[in-house]
Amino acid sequence: MAKAVNQLRERVPGYDATGYRQLFWRYRPVAEELVDAHWERVLAVAGGLAAPGRLTGEQASDLAGLPNPPEPAAPHD
């Protein structure tokens, strides 16, 4: 839970510690459902990582059978 809360802090600013824990518990079931629904893809990517320990986004998307969309354009100041 601590790792997930730290990720939330980085990505969703503005909450106190209790707020981040509440977000974690609110969205955890959905995250678990997504992992369960795509477990075969998770295993495919994990297998690809086993030997080299690193994959490009394109390699991971190929293994998972998913598209690898381009990076979003940087905002202009």
PDB file of N, CA and C in Angstrom:
ATOM      1  N   MET A   1       0.821  -1.179   0.000  1.00  0.00           N
ATOM      2  CA  MET A   1       0.000   0.000   0.000  1.00  0.00           C
ATOM      3  C   MET A   1       0.873   1.254   0.000  1.00  0.00           C
ATOM      4  N   ALA A   2       1.969   1.229   0.722  1.00  0.00           N
ATOM      5  CA  ALA A   2       2.834   2.403   0.812  1.00  0.00           C
ATOM      6  C   ALA A   2       3.367   2.815  -0.560  1.00  0.00           C
ATOM      7  N   LYS A   3       3.755   1.840  -1.385  1.00  0.00           N
ATOM      8  CA  LYS A   3       4.252   2.156  -2.724  1.00  0.00           C
ATOM      9  C   LYS A   3       3.151   2.786  -3.574  1.00  0.00           C
ATOM     10  N   ALA A   4       1.959   2.245  -3.488  1.00  0.00           N
ATOM     11  CA  ALA A   4       0.843   2.794  -4.260  1.00  0.00           C
ATOM     12  C   ALA A   4       0.512   4.209  -3.805  1.00  0.00           C
ATOM     13  N   VAL A   5       0.511   4.443  -2.501  1.00  0.00           N
ATOM     14  CA  VAL A   5       0.219   5.781  -1.973  1.00  0.00           C
ATOM     15  C   VAL A   5       1.299   6.762  -2.440  1.00  0.00           C
ATOM     16  N   ASN A   6       2.557   6.344  -2.459  1.00  0.00           N
ATOM     17  CA  ASN A   6       3.624   7.227  -2.941  1.00  0.00           C
ATOM     18  C   ASN A   6       3.426   7.570  -4.414  1.00  0.00           C
ATOM     19  N   GLN A   7       2.997   6.592  -5.205  1.00  0.00           N
ATOM     20  CA  GLN A   7       2.724   6.869  -6.612  1.00  0.00           C
ATOM     21  C   GLN A   7       1.565   7.854  -6.756  1.00  0.00           C
ATOM     22  N   LEU A   8       0.539   7.691  -5.943  1.00  0.00           N
ATOM     23  CA  LEU A   8      -0.587   8.630  -5.976  1.00  0.00           C
ATOM     24  C   LEU A   8      -0.123  10.041  -5.629  1.00  0.00           C
ATOM     25  N   ARG A   9       0.733  10.174  -4.636  1.00  0.00           N
ATOM     26  CA  ARG A   9       1.241  11.498  -4.242  1.00  0.00           C
ATOM     27  C   ARG A   9       1.935  12.194  -5.399  1.00  0.00           C
ATOM     28  N   GLU A  10       2.697  11.421  -6.167  1.00  0.00           N
ATOM     29  CA  GLU A  10       3.416  11.990  -7.303  1.00  0.00           C
ATOM     30  C   GLU A  10       2.478  12.398  -8.427  1.00  0.00           C
ATOM     31  N   ARG A  11       1.434  11.612  -8.638  1.00  0.00           N
ATOM     32  CA  ARG A  11       0.568  11.818  -9.798  1.00  0.00           C
ATOM     33  C   ARG A  11      -0.681  12.654  -9.514  1.00  0.00           C
ATOM     34  N   VAL A  12      -1.121  12.662  -8.266  1.00  0.00           N
ATOM     35  CA  VAL A  12      -2.359  13.362  -7.909  1.00  0.00           C
ATOM     36  C   VAL A  12      -2.088  14.232  -6.684  1.00  0.00           C
ATOM     37  N   PRO A  13      -1.543  15.420  -6.891  1.00  0.00           N
ATOM     38  CA  PRO A  13      -1.229  16.269  -5.734  1.00  0.00           C
ATOM     39  C   PRO A  13      -2.485  16.829  -5.073  1.00  0.00           C
ATOM     40  N   GLY A  14      -2.327  17.240  -3.806  1.00  0.00           N
ATOM     41  CA  GLY A  14      -3.396  17.975  -3.154  1.00  0.00           C
ATOM     42  C   GLY A  14      -4.146  17.265  -2.048  1.00  0.00           C
ATOM     43  N   TYR A  15      -3.786  16.037  -1.740  1.00  0.00           N
ATOM     44  CA  TYR A  15      -4.462  15.307  -0.673  1.00  0.00           C
ATOM     45  C   TYR A  15      -3.563  15.200   0.545  1.00  0.00           C
ATOM     46  N   ASP A  16      -4.165  14.983   1.692  1.00  0.00           N
ATOM     47  CA  ASP A  16      -3.365  14.673   2.878  1.00  0.00           C
ATOM     48  C   ASP A  16      -3.175  13.162   2.935  1.00  0.00           C
ATOM     49  N   ALA A  17      -2.452  12.678   3.939  1.00  0.00           N
ATOM     50  CA  ALA A  17      -2.144  11.245   4.035  1.00  0.00           C
ATOM     51  C   ALA A  17      -3.404  10.390   4.052  1.00  0.00           C
ATOM     52  N   THR A  18      -4.419  10.825   4.784  1.00  0.00           N
ATOM     53  CA  THR A  18      -5.669  10.062   4.852  1.00  0.00           C
ATOM     54  C   THR A  18      -6.348  10.025   3.488  1.00  0.00           C
ATOM     55  N   GLY A  19      -6.324  11.154   2.788  1.00  0.00           N
ATOM     56  CA  GLY A  19      -6.931  11.210   1.461  1.00  0.00           C
ATOM     57  C   GLY A  19      -6.288  10.246   0.486  1.00  0.00           C
ATOM     58  N   TYR A  20      -4.958  10.129   0.523  1.00  0.00           N
ATOM     59  CA  TYR A  20      -4.279   9.194  -0.367  1.00  0.00           C
ATOM     60  C   TYR A  20      -4.619   7.751  -0.020  1.00  0.00           C
ATOM     61  N   ARG A  21      -4.703   7.446   1.253  1.00  0.00           N
ATOM     62  CA  ARG A  21      -5.095   6.083   1.645  1.00  0.00           C
ATOM     63  C   ARG A  21      -6.515   5.784   1.189  1.00  0.00           C
ATOM     64  N   GLN A  22      -7.408   6.748   1.283  1.00  0.00           N
ATOM     65  CA  GLN A  22      -8.786   6.550   0.827  1.00  0.00           C
ATOM     66  C   GLN A  22      -8.834   6.319  -0.681  1.00  0.00           C
ATOM     67  N   LEU A  23      -8.036   7.086  -1.438  1.00  0.00           N
ATOM     68  CA  LEU A  23      -7.973   6.860  -2.882  1.00  0.00           C
ATOM     69  C   LEU A  23      -7.485   5.450  -3.199  1.00  0.00           C
ATOM     70  N   PHE A  24      -6.457   5.027  -2.473  1.00  0.00           N
ATOM     71  CA  PHE A  24      -5.929   3.678  -2.686  1.00  0.00           C
ATOM     72  C   PHE A  24      -7.026   2.638  -2.490  1.00  0.00           C
ATOM     73  N   TRP A  25      -7.723   2.679  -1.373  1.00  0.00           N
ATOM     74  CA  TRP A  25      -8.746   1.670  -1.088  1.00  0.00           C
ATOM     75  C   TRP A  25      -9.941   1.786  -2.021  1.00  0.00           C
ATOM     76  N   ARG A  26     -10.207   2.985  -2.494  1.00  0.00           N
ATOM     77  CA  ARG A  26     -11.333   3.184  -3.417  1.00  0.00           C
ATOM     78  C   ARG A  26     -11.062   2.520  -4.763  1.00  0.00           C
ATOM     79  N   TYR A  27      -9.838   2.662  -5.276  1.00  0.00           N
ATOM     80  CA  TYR A  27      -9.534   2.176  -6.620  1.00  0.00           C
ATOM     81  C   TYR A  27      -8.839   0.829  -6.665  1.00  0.00           C
ATOM     82  N   ARG A  28      -8.459   0.292  -5.534  1.00  0.00           N
ATOM     83  CA  ARG A  28      -7.781  -1.003  -5.524  1.00  0.00           C
ATOM     84  C   ARG A  28      -8.607  -2.110  -6.168  1.00  0.00           C
ATOM     85  N   PRO A  29      -9.905  -2.240  -5.856  1.00  0.00           N
ATOM     86  CA  PRO A  29     -10.670  -3.326  -6.490  1.00  0.00           C
ATOM     87  C   PRO A  29     -10.684  -3.237  -8.018  1.00  0.00           C
ATOM     88  N   VAL A  30     -10.771  -2.035  -8.559  1.00  0.00           N
ATOM     89  CA  VAL A  30     -10.776  -1.862 -10.011  1.00  0.00           C
ATOM     90  C   VAL A  30      -9.421  -2.270 -10.583  1.00  0.00           C
ATOM     91  N   ALA A  31      -8.356  -1.868  -9.918  1.00  0.00           N
ATOM     92  CA  ALA A  31      -7.013  -2.230 -10.382  1.00  0.00           C
ATOM     93  C   ALA A  31      -6.832  -3.750 -10.362  1.00  0.00           C
ATOM     94  N   GLU A  32      -7.308  -4.401  -9.308  1.00  0.00           N
ATOM     95  CA  GLU A  32      -7.187  -5.859  -9.228  1.00  0.00           C
ATOM     96  C   GLU A  32      -7.999  -6.538 -10.328  1.00  0.00           C
ATOM     97  N   GLU A  33      -9.170  -6.016 -10.638  1.00  0.00           N
ATOM     98  CA  GLU A  33      -9.981  -6.577 -11.724  1.00  0.00           C
ATOM     99  C   GLU A  33      -9.263  -6.448 -13.063  1.00  0.00           C
ATOM    100  N   LEU A  34      -8.620  -5.303 -13.288  1.00  0.00           N
ATOM    101  CA  LEU A  34      -7.881  -5.116 -14.541  1.00  0.00           C
ATOM    102  C   LEU A  34      -6.711  -6.079 -14.649  1.00  0.00           C
ATOM    103  N   VAL A  35      -5.982  -6.247 -13.573  1.00  0.00           N
ATOM    104  CA  VAL A  35      -4.858  -7.192 -13.589  1.00  0.00           C
ATOM    105  C   VAL A  35      -5.377  -8.611 -13.833  1.00  0.00           C
ATOM    106  N   ASP A  36      -6.437  -8.993 -13.146  1.00  0.00           N
ATOM    107  CA  ASP A  36      -7.011 -10.329 -13.337  1.00  0.00           C
ATOM    108  C   ASP A  36      -7.470 -10.537 -14.781  1.00  0.00           C
ATOM    109  N   ALA A  37      -8.134  -9.531 -15.342  1.00  0.00           N
ATOM    110  CA  ALA A  37      -8.661  -9.642 -16.700  1.00  0.00           C
ATOM    111  C   ALA A  37      -7.549  -9.747 -17.741  1.00  0.00           C
ATOM    112  N   HIS A  38      -6.392  -9.205 -17.436  1.00  0.00           N
ATOM    113  CA  HIS A  38      -5.283  -9.176 -18.397  1.00  0.00           C
ATOM    114  C   HIS A  38      -4.080  -9.980 -17.918  1.00  0.00           C
ATOM    115  N   TRP A  39      -4.309 -10.953 -17.046  1.00  0.00           N
ATOM    116  CA  TRP A  39      -3.219 -11.704 -16.446  1.00  0.00           C
ATOM    117  C   TRP A  39      -2.336 -12.397 -17.489  1.00  0.00           C
ATOM    118  N   GLU A  40      -2.926 -12.924 -18.549  1.00  0.00           N
ATOM    119  CA  GLU A  40      -2.126 -13.580 -19.593  1.00  0.00           C
ATOM    120  C   GLU A  40      -1.162 -12.586 -20.239  1.00  0.00           C
ATOM    121  N   ARG A  41      -1.601 -11.340 -20.396  1.00  0.00           N
ATOM    122  CA  ARG A  41      -0.713 -10.321 -20.953  1.00  0.00           C
ATOM    123  C   ARG A  41       0.404  -9.975 -19.969  1.00  0.00           C
ATOM    124  N   VAL A  42       0.064  -9.919 -18.700  1.00  0.00           N
ATOM    125  CA  VAL A  42       1.077  -9.659 -17.671  1.00  0.00           C
ATOM    126  C   VAL A  42       2.143 -10.754 -17.722  1.00  0.00           C
ATOM    127  N   LEU A  43       1.706 -12.002 -17.814  1.00  0.00           N
ATOM    128  CA  LEU A  43       2.654 -13.120 -17.879  1.00  0.00           C
ATOM    129  C   LEU A  43       3.507 -13.067 -19.139  1.00  0.00           C
ATOM    130  N   ALA A  44       2.915 -12.669 -20.260  1.00  0.00           N
ATOM    131  CA  ALA A  44       3.673 -12.579 -21.509  1.00  0.00           C
ATOM    132  C   ALA A  44       4.776 -11.537 -21.399  1.00  0.00           C
ATOM    133  N   VAL A  45       4.460 -10.382 -20.843  1.00  0.00           N
ATOM    134  CA  VAL A  45       5.467  -9.334 -20.688  1.00  0.00           C
ATOM    135  C   VAL A  45       6.513  -9.770 -19.657  1.00  0.00           C
ATOM    136  N   ALA A  46       6.077 -10.399 -18.579  1.00  0.00           N
ATOM    137  CA  ALA A  46       7.025 -10.879 -17.569  1.00  0.00           C
ATOM    138  C   ALA A  46       7.993 -11.889 -18.177  1.00  0.00           C
ATOM    139  N   GLY A  47       7.494 -12.768 -19.019  1.00  0.00           N
ATOM    140  CA  GLY A  47       8.363 -13.729 -19.693  1.00  0.00           C
ATOM    141  C   GLY A  47       9.386 -13.046 -20.571  1.00  0.00           C
ATOM    142  N   GLY A  48       8.967 -11.993 -21.251  1.00  0.00           N
ATOM    143  CA  GLY A  48       9.890 -11.230 -22.087  1.00  0.00           C
ATOM    144  C   GLY A  48      10.943 -10.499 -21.286  1.00  0.00           C
ATOM    145  N   LEU A  49      10.598 -10.137 -20.066  1.00  0.00           N
ATOM    146  CA  LEU A  49      11.544  -9.441 -19.189  1.00  0.00           C
ATOM    147  C   LEU A  49      12.533 -10.395 -18.525  1.00  0.00           C
ATOM    148  N   ALA A  50      12.196 -11.659 -18.459  1.00  0.00           N
ATOM    149  CA  ALA A  50      12.992 -12.616 -17.696  1.00  0.00           C
ATOM    150  C   ALA A  50      14.457 -12.650 -18.132  1.00  0.00           C
ATOM    151  N   ALA A  51      14.711 -12.665 -19.418  1.00  0.00           N
ATOM    152  CA  ALA A  51      16.097 -12.774 -19.878  1.00  0.00           C
ATOM    153  C   ALA A  51      16.815 -11.422 -19.878  1.00  0.00           C
ATOM    154  N   PRO A  52      16.336 -10.442 -20.647  1.00  0.00           N
ATOM    155  CA  PRO A  52      17.111  -9.194 -20.714  1.00  0.00           C
ATOM    156  C   PRO A  52      16.895  -8.268 -19.522  1.00  0.00           C
ATOM    157  N   GLY A  53      15.763  -8.386 -18.848  1.00  0.00           N
ATOM    158  CA  GLY A  53      15.491  -7.519 -17.711  1.00  0.00           C
ATOM    159  C   GLY A  53      14.994  -6.139 -18.087  1.00  0.00           C
ATOM    160  N   ARG A  54      14.877  -5.878 -19.381  1.00  0.00           N
ATOM    161  CA  ARG A  54      14.418  -4.563 -19.842  1.00  0.00           C
ATOM    162  C   ARG A  54      13.773  -4.739 -21.216  1.00  0.00           C
ATOM    163  N   LEU A  55      12.675  -4.034 -21.421  1.00  0.00           N
ATOM    164  CA  LEU A  55      11.993  -4.044 -22.713  1.00  0.00           C
ATOM    165  C   LEU A  55      11.682  -2.608 -23.119  1.00  0.00           C
ATOM    166  N   THR A  56      11.633  -2.385 -24.409  1.00  0.00           N
ATOM    167  CA  THR A  56      11.141  -1.099 -24.880  1.00  0.00           C
ATOM    168  C   THR A  56       9.618  -1.124 -24.803  1.00  0.00           C
ATOM    169  N   GLY A  57       9.014   0.021 -24.921  1.00  0.00           N
ATOM    170  CA  GLY A  57       7.553   0.078 -24.945  1.00  0.00           C
ATOM    171  C   GLY A  57       6.994  -0.718 -26.103  1.00  0.00           C
ATOM    172  N   GLU A  58       7.663  -0.659 -27.233  1.00  0.00           N
ATOM    173  CA  GLU A  58       7.223  -1.402 -28.422  1.00  0.00           C
ATOM    174  C   GLU A  58       7.303  -2.908 -28.180  1.00  0.00           C
ATOM    175  N   GLN A  59       8.388  -3.374 -27.574  1.00  0.00           N
ATOM    176  CA  GLN A  59       8.524  -4.802 -27.281  1.00  0.00           C
ATOM    177  C   GLN A  59       7.445  -5.261 -26.302  1.00  0.00           C
ATOM    178  N   ALA A  60       7.220  -4.478 -25.251  1.00  0.00           N
ATOM    179  CA  ALA A  60       6.204  -4.846 -24.264  1.00  0.00           C
ATOM    180  C   ALA A  60       4.820  -4.862 -24.895  1.00  0.00           C
ATOM    181  N   SER A  61       4.516  -3.882 -25.720  1.00  0.00           N
ATOM    182  CA  SER A  61       3.196  -3.851 -26.350  1.00  0.00           C
ATOM    183  C   SER A  61       3.021  -5.026 -27.304  1.00  0.00           C
ATOM    184  N   ASP A  62       4.086  -5.394 -28.024  1.00  0.00           N
ATOM    185  CA  ASP A  62       4.005  -6.562 -28.902  1.00  0.00           C
ATOM    186  C   ASP A  62       3.722  -7.833 -28.103  1.00  0.00           C
ATOM    187  N   LEU A  63       4.433  -8.018 -27.006  1.00  0.00           N
ATOM    188  CA  LEU A  63       4.223  -9.204 -26.171  1.00  0.00           C
ATOM    189  C   LEU A  63       2.816  -9.242 -25.585  1.00  0.00           C
ATOM    190  N   ALA A  64       2.307  -8.078 -25.201  1.00  0.00           N
ATOM    191  CA  ALA A  64       0.976  -8.002 -24.595  1.00  0.00           C
ATOM    192  C   ALA A  64      -0.135  -8.024 -25.638  1.00  0.00           C
ATOM    193  N   GLY A  65       0.231  -7.810 -26.896  1.00  0.00           N
ATOM    194  CA  GLY A  65      -0.793  -7.764 -27.929  1.00  0.00           C
ATOM    195  C   GLY A  65      -1.630  -6.499 -27.861  1.00  0.00           C
ATOM    196  N   LEU A  66      -0.999  -5.416 -27.432  1.00  0.00           N
ATOM    197  CA  LEU A  66      -1.688  -4.134 -27.290  1.00  0.00           C
ATOM    198  C   LEU A  66      -0.967  -3.074 -28.109  1.00  0.00           C
ATOM    199  N   PRO A  67      -1.685  -2.027 -28.520  1.00  0.00           N
ATOM    200  CA  PRO A  67      -1.014  -0.940 -29.238  1.00  0.00           C
ATOM    201  C   PRO A  67      -0.100  -0.148 -28.313  1.00  0.00           C
ATOM    202  N   ASN A  68       0.915   0.449 -28.891  1.00  0.00           N
ATOM    203  CA  ASN A  68       1.830   1.297 -28.147  1.00  0.00           C
ATOM    204  C   ASN A  68       1.663   2.712 -28.694  1.00  0.00           C
ATOM    205  N   PRO A  69       0.760   3.492 -28.086  1.00  0.00           N
ATOM    206  CA  PRO A  69       0.510   4.827 -28.623  1.00  0.00           C
ATOM    207  C   PRO A  69       1.726   5.727 -28.462  1.00  0.00           C
ATOM    208  N   PRO A  70       1.826   6.730 -29.316  1.00  0.00           N
ATOM    209  CA  PRO A  70       2.963   7.656 -29.194  1.00  0.00           C
ATOM    210  C   PRO A  70       2.865   8.468 -27.915  1.00  0.00           C
ATOM    211  N   GLU A  71       4.014   8.976 -27.476  1.00  0.00           N
ATOM    212  CA  GLU A  71       4.055   9.849 -26.303  1.00  0.00           C
ATOM    213  C   GLU A  71       3.237  11.106 -26.578  1.00  0.00           C
ATOM    214  N   PRO A  72       2.536  11.613 -25.583  1.00  0.00           N
ATOM    215  CA  PRO A  72       1.822  12.873 -25.803  1.00  0.00           C
ATOM    216  C   PRO A  72       2.804  14.017 -26.045  1.00  0.00           C
ATOM    217  N   ALA A  73       2.384  14.947 -26.841  1.00  0.00           N
ATOM    218  CA  ALA A  73       3.238  16.095 -27.134  1.00  0.00           C
ATOM    219  C   ALA A  73       3.426  16.924 -25.870  1.00  0.00           C
ATOM    220  N   ALA A  74       4.610  17.469 -25.724  1.00  0.00           N
ATOM    221  CA  ALA A  74       4.896  18.327 -24.573  1.00  0.00           C
ATOM    222  C   ALA A  74       4.076  19.609 -24.692  1.00  0.00           C
ATOM    223  N   PRO A  75       3.556  20.118 -23.576  1.00  0.00           N
ATOM    224  CA  PRO A  75       2.784  21.370 -23.637  1.00  0.00           C
ATOM    225  C   PRO A  75       3.687  22.529 -24.014  1.00  0.00           C
ATOM    226  N   HIS A  76       3.113  23.449 -24.750  1.00  0.00           N
ATOM    227  CA  HIS A  76       3.862  24.641 -25.150  1.00  0.00           C
ATOM    228  C   HIS A  76       3.645  25.736 -24.119  1.00  0.00           C
ATOM    229  N   ASP A  77       4.719  26.424 -23.775  1.00  0.00           N
ATOM    230  CA  ASP A  77       4.599  27.536 -22.818  1.00  0.00           C
ATOM    231  C   ASP A  77       4.225  28.807 -23.503  1.00  0.00           C
TER     232      ASP A  77
END
